[in-house]
């Protein structure tokens, strides 16, 4: 491919190398922090749902229960949430 620009023909200057290395490092650190903090919240949420289910306060499939309550007009589905229907 004469005259074409390919990866093997790219010129990597020290500035581009440092920028790409710092961008890569920031991405790895951001991924690590995000997963460590996000997984903690996810585990806490699961444990809370499990405790509420085992003690009989919530059904296991809460979304199905809320959809059924909306079908029977106890609740009204609004966007991604539910509200009580007032008289």
Protein backbone atom coordinates (compact mmCIF):
# COMPACT_ATOMS: atom_id res chain seq x y z
CA UNK A 1 0.00 0.00 0.00
CA UNK A 2 2.24 2.82 -1.19
CA UNK A 3 1.55 6.20 0.32
CA UNK A 4 -0.74 4.71 2.94
CA UNK A 5 -0.44 5.34 6.61
CA UNK A 6 -0.28 2.26 8.74
CA UNK A 7 0.61 1.45 12.30
CA UNK A 8 4.13 0.42 11.34
CA UNK A 9 4.70 3.83 9.71
CA UNK A 10 3.43 5.86 12.66
CA UNK A 11 5.92 8.12 14.36
CA UNK A 12 5.76 7.89 18.13
CA UNK A 13 7.30 10.92 19.77
CA UNK A 14 8.18 10.98 23.47
CA UNK A 15 5.24 13.32 24.14
CA UNK A 16 2.75 10.96 22.50
CA UNK A 17 4.29 8.00 24.34
CA UNK A 18 4.01 9.74 27.74
CA UNK A 19 0.46 10.88 26.98
CA UNK A 20 -0.65 7.41 25.92
CA UNK A 21 1.08 5.80 28.91
CA UNK A 22 -0.55 8.24 31.36
CA UNK A 23 -3.95 7.74 29.69
CA UNK A 24 -3.56 3.97 29.96
CA UNK A 25 -2.49 4.21 33.60
CA UNK A 26 -5.40 6.52 34.46
CA UNK A 27 -7.79 4.09 32.78
CA UNK A 28 -6.46 1.14 34.77
CA UNK A 29 -6.59 3.05 38.07
CA UNK A 30 -10.11 4.31 37.28
CA UNK A 31 -11.27 0.81 36.42
CA UNK A 32 -9.81 -0.59 39.64
CA UNK A 33 -11.36 2.10 41.87
CA UNK A 34 -14.71 1.89 40.09
CA UNK A 35 -14.92 -1.86 40.40
CA UNK A 36 -13.77 -1.91 44.01
CA UNK A 37 -16.28 0.73 45.11
CA UNK A 38 -19.06 -0.50 42.82
CA UNK A 39 -18.71 -4.11 43.84
CA UNK A 40 -18.98 -3.11 47.50
CA UNK A 41 -22.32 -1.37 46.85
CA UNK A 42 -23.53 -4.33 44.77
CA UNK A 43 -22.68 -6.82 47.53
CA UNK A 44 -24.37 -4.62 50.16
CA UNK A 45 -27.50 -4.40 48.02
CA UNK A 46 -27.61 -8.17 47.54
CA UNK A 47 -27.13 -8.85 51.27
CA UNK A 48 -29.91 -6.39 52.16
CA UNK A 49 -32.31 -8.02 49.69
CA UNK A 50 -31.38 -11.47 51.02
CA UNK A 51 -31.99 -10.44 54.65
CA UNK A 52 -35.35 -8.84 53.80
CA UNK A 53 -36.39 -11.94 51.86
CA UNK A 54 -35.31 -14.40 54.57
CA UNK A 55 -37.17 -12.45 57.27
CA UNK A 56 -40.32 -12.34 55.16
CA UNK A 57 -40.46 -8.59 54.49
CA UNK A 58 -39.97 -8.73 50.70
CA UNK A 59 -40.62 -11.32 48.01
CA UNK A 60 -37.50 -12.52 46.19
CA UNK A 61 -38.70 -11.27 42.80
CA UNK A 62 -39.55 -7.74 43.91
CA UNK A 63 -39.96 -6.37 40.36
CA UNK A 64 -42.61 -8.98 39.56
CA UNK A 65 -44.41 -8.20 42.82
CA UNK A 66 -44.45 -4.46 42.08
CA UNK A 67 -45.66 -5.04 38.52
CA UNK A 68 -48.48 -7.21 39.88
CA UNK A 69 -49.40 -4.50 42.41
CA UNK A 70 -49.54 -1.98 39.52
CA UNK A 71 -51.71 -4.38 37.52
CA UNK A 72 -54.18 -4.57 40.43
CA UNK A 73 -54.12 -0.76 40.74
CA UNK A 74 -52.49 -0.61 44.17
CA UNK A 75 -49.52 1.19 42.64
CA UNK A 76 -48.94 3.23 39.50
CA UNK A 77 -45.82 2.70 37.44
CA UNK A 78 -44.10 6.01 36.68
CA UNK A 79 -40.97 5.82 34.57
CA UNK A 80 -38.64 3.39 36.33
CA UNK A 81 -40.41 3.66 39.69
CA UNK A 82 -43.77 3.25 41.39
CA UNK A 83 -46.09 5.56 43.28
CA UNK A 84 -49.14 4.88 45.41
CA UNK A 85 -52.49 5.76 43.86
CA UNK A 86 -54.31 8.33 45.95
CA UNK A 87 -58.05 8.79 45.95
